[in-house]
Amino acid sequence: MNELHIREAGLDDIDTVLGLIESSGIDAPGTNDRAAAHANWPAMQAAGARLLLAERDGAALGTLTLFVLPLLGHHCAPEAVVEDVAVAADAQGMGIGRALLHHSMALARNAGCYKLALSSNLKRVDAHAFYDHLGFERHGISFIVPLKEQAE
């Protein structure tokens, strides 16, 4: 089996990334608006998003989005935030998510970040065990306020 390759995704990869997000269960299959995702790309780029794509033998297997946020606290050290960690359903358990997160940790470390944070829905018990195994610590309490109704 060939080596896993992680690269930064571009606009041409949006449909592939959406497929991974749907395959992983983050969003239901067929619920993403491809045109809206393409239109959102410039805003993501302006916000400093780094969309990572893991591939093996030309097949996209996983993705995540990494943000490095400048802060005033913590002696102006930035914080890294990971969102939308998605591994194709048939590739889960093969080290794809681990490789993506380790790659993100290295990028965050190189950017001088004092921490890398992510959140996970309470229902995703398997994901929590995965994050625990990677050395993430359960820290504090995460609060959200839904700002827009979403189709389930």
Protein backbone atom coordinates (compact mmCIF):
# COMPACT_ATOMS: atom_id res chain seq x y z
CA MET A 1 0.00 0.00 0.00
CA ASN A 2 1.38 3.41 -0.92
CA GLU A 3 2.14 6.12 1.59
CA LEU A 4 -0.48 8.58 2.76
CA HIS A 5 0.00 12.08 1.36
CA ILE A 6 -1.42 15.16 3.09
CA ARG A 7 -1.72 18.37 1.13
CA GLU A 8 -3.57 21.65 1.23
CA ALA A 9 -6.78 21.41 -0.73
CA GLY A 10 -7.89 24.06 -3.19
CA LEU A 11 -11.09 25.22 -4.81
CA ASP A 12 -10.99 22.28 -7.23
CA ASP A 13 -11.17 19.90 -4.26
CA ILE A 14 -14.37 21.29 -2.71
CA ASP A 15 -16.67 18.60 -4.13
CA THR A 16 -14.30 15.87 -2.90
CA VAL A 17 -14.14 17.43 0.57
CA LEU A 18 -17.93 17.67 0.75
CA GLY A 19 -18.13 13.99 -0.20
CA LEU A 20 -15.81 13.13 2.69
CA ILE A 21 -17.83 15.27 5.10
CA GLU A 22 -20.98 13.41 4.05
CA SER A 23 -19.35 9.96 4.06
CA SER A 24 -18.02 10.51 7.58
CA GLY A 25 -21.44 11.39 8.94
CA ILE A 26 -20.81 15.05 9.74
CA ASP A 27 -23.53 15.99 7.24
CA ALA A 28 -26.17 13.72 5.73
CA PRO A 29 -25.47 12.52 2.18
CA GLY A 30 -26.73 14.90 -0.49
CA THR A 31 -27.47 17.76 1.91
CA ASN A 32 -24.60 20.08 0.97
CA ASP A 33 -25.05 22.87 -1.56
CA ARG A 34 -22.00 22.58 -3.79
CA ALA A 35 -22.49 26.05 -5.30
CA ALA A 36 -22.69 27.61 -1.84
CA ALA A 37 -19.53 25.77 -0.77
CA HIS A 38 -17.65 27.05 -3.83
CA ALA A 39 -18.94 30.57 -3.13
CA ASN A 40 -17.78 30.27 0.51
CA TRP A 41 -14.21 29.40 -0.48
CA PRO A 42 -12.93 33.02 -0.73
CA ALA A 43 -14.27 33.79 2.77
CA MET A 44 -12.54 30.71 4.17
CA GLN A 45 -9.30 31.76 2.54
CA ALA A 46 -9.65 35.32 3.86
CA ALA A 47 -10.15 33.91 7.38
CA GLY A 48 -6.92 31.93 7.07
CA ALA A 49 -8.48 28.48 6.80
CA ARG A 50 -6.16 25.69 5.76
CA LEU A 51 -8.16 22.86 4.27
CA LEU A 52 -6.13 19.66 4.46
CA LEU A 53 -6.74 16.60 2.31
CA ALA A 54 -5.29 13.13 2.95
CA GLU A 55 -4.85 10.92 -0.12
CA ARG A 56 -3.49 7.49 -0.90
CA ASP A 57 -3.06 6.16 -4.42
CA GLY A 58 -4.98 9.17 -5.75
CA ALA A 59 -8.01 8.52 -3.56
CA ALA A 60 -9.16 11.17 -1.08
CA LEU A 61 -9.60 9.53 2.32
CA GLY A 62 -9.84 12.34 4.87
CA THR A 63 -9.96 16.05 5.47
CA LEU A 64 -10.02 18.70 8.16
CA THR A 65 -9.95 22.48 8.39
CA LEU A 66 -7.28 24.23 10.47
CA PHE A 67 -7.48 27.83 11.63
CA VAL A 68 -4.66 29.71 13.35
CA LEU A 69 -6.21 32.56 15.29
CA PRO A 70 -4.18 35.54 16.51
CA LEU A 71 -4.93 36.49 20.12
CA LEU A 72 -4.00 39.12 22.67
CA GLY A 73 -4.06 36.83 25.69
CA HIS A 74 -1.47 34.13 26.32
CA HIS A 75 1.25 36.68 25.54
CA CYS A 76 -0.13 37.12 22.02
CA ALA A 77 0.47 33.47 21.16
CA PRO A 78 -2.01 32.25 18.55
CA GLU A 79 -4.45 29.38 19.04
CA ALA A 80 -5.12 26.64 16.50
CA VAL A 81 -8.65 25.35 16.00
CA VAL A 82 -9.56 22.25 14.02
CA GLU A 83 -13.00 21.80 12.49
CA ASP A 84 -14.71 19.27 10.23
CA VAL A 85 -12.44 16.27 10.83
CA ALA A 86 -13.81 13.78 8.31
CA VAL A 87 -12.56 10.37 7.23
CA ALA A 88 -14.38 8.36 4.58
CA ALA A 89 -16.54 5.67 6.19
CA ASP A 90 -14.62 2.83 4.49
CA ALA A 91 -11.23 4.29 5.55
CA GLN A 92 -11.92 4.79 9.25
CA GLY A 93 -9.57 2.94 11.56
CA MET A 94 -6.69 3.10 9.05
CA GLY A 95 -4.76 5.99 10.68
CA ILE A 96 -6.04 8.69 8.34
CA GLY A 97 -7.51 10.90 11.09
CA ARG A 98 -4.42 10.39 13.24
CA ALA A 99 -2.15 11.48 10.40
CA LEU A 100 -4.28 14.54 9.65
CA LEU A 101 -4.33 15.63 13.30
CA HIS A 102 -0.60 15.05 13.79
CA HIS A 103 0.04 17.10 10.64
CA SER A 104 -2.20 19.86 12.02
CA MET A 105 -0.39 19.79 15.37
CA ALA A 106 2.93 20.24 13.58
CA LEU A 107 1.58 23.16 11.55
CA ALA A 108 0.17 24.76 14.72
CA ARG A 109 3.42 24.22 16.62
CA ASN A 110 5.38 25.81 13.75
CA ALA A 111 3.00 28.79 13.83
CA GLY A 112 3.79 29.33 17.52
CA CYS A 113 0.34 28.29 18.77
CA TYR A 114 0.01 27.66 22.48
CA LYS A 115 -2.73 25.05 21.97
CA LEU A 116 -4.77 23.23 19.37
CA ALA A 117 -8.45 22.88 20.18
CA LEU A 118 -11.35 21.02 18.68
CA SER A 119 -14.86 20.24 19.77
CA SER A 120 -16.94 17.15 19.27
CA ASN A 121 -20.63 16.49 19.60
CA LEU A 122 -21.55 14.66 22.81
CA LYS A 123 -23.11 11.85 20.74
CA ARG A 124 -19.81 11.01 18.98
CA VAL A 125 -18.48 8.66 21.66
CA ASP A 126 -16.16 6.81 19.24
CA ALA A 127 -14.65 10.13 18.15
CA HIS A 128 -14.05 11.05 21.80
CA ALA A 129 -12.13 7.82 22.39
CA PHE A 130 -10.09 8.55 19.25
CA TYR A 131 -9.19 12.06 20.48
CA ASP A 132 -8.35 10.70 23.94
CA HIS A 133 -6.04 8.13 22.31
CA LEU A 134 -4.25 10.92 20.40
CA GLY A 135 -3.45 12.73 23.63
CA PHE A 136 -6.14 15.38 23.59
CA GLU A 137 -7.27 16.37 27.06
CA ARG A 138 -10.86 17.03 27.97
CA HIS A 139 -10.75 20.63 29.05
CA GLY A 140 -13.44 22.94 30.29
CA ILE A 141 -16.94 23.03 28.94
CA SER A 142 -17.87 23.96 25.41
CA PHE A 143 -20.88 26.21 24.95
CA ILE A 144 -22.73 26.94 21.73
CA VAL A 145 -25.76 28.93 20.80
CA PRO A 146 -27.38 27.93 17.50
CA LEU A 147 -27.70 31.02 15.34
CA LYS A 148 -29.47 29.48 12.40
CA GLU A 149 -31.82 26.55 11.97
CA GLN A 150 -30.23 23.73 10.05
CA ALA A 151 -31.92 20.95 8.16
CA GLU A 152 -31.22 17.59 9.79
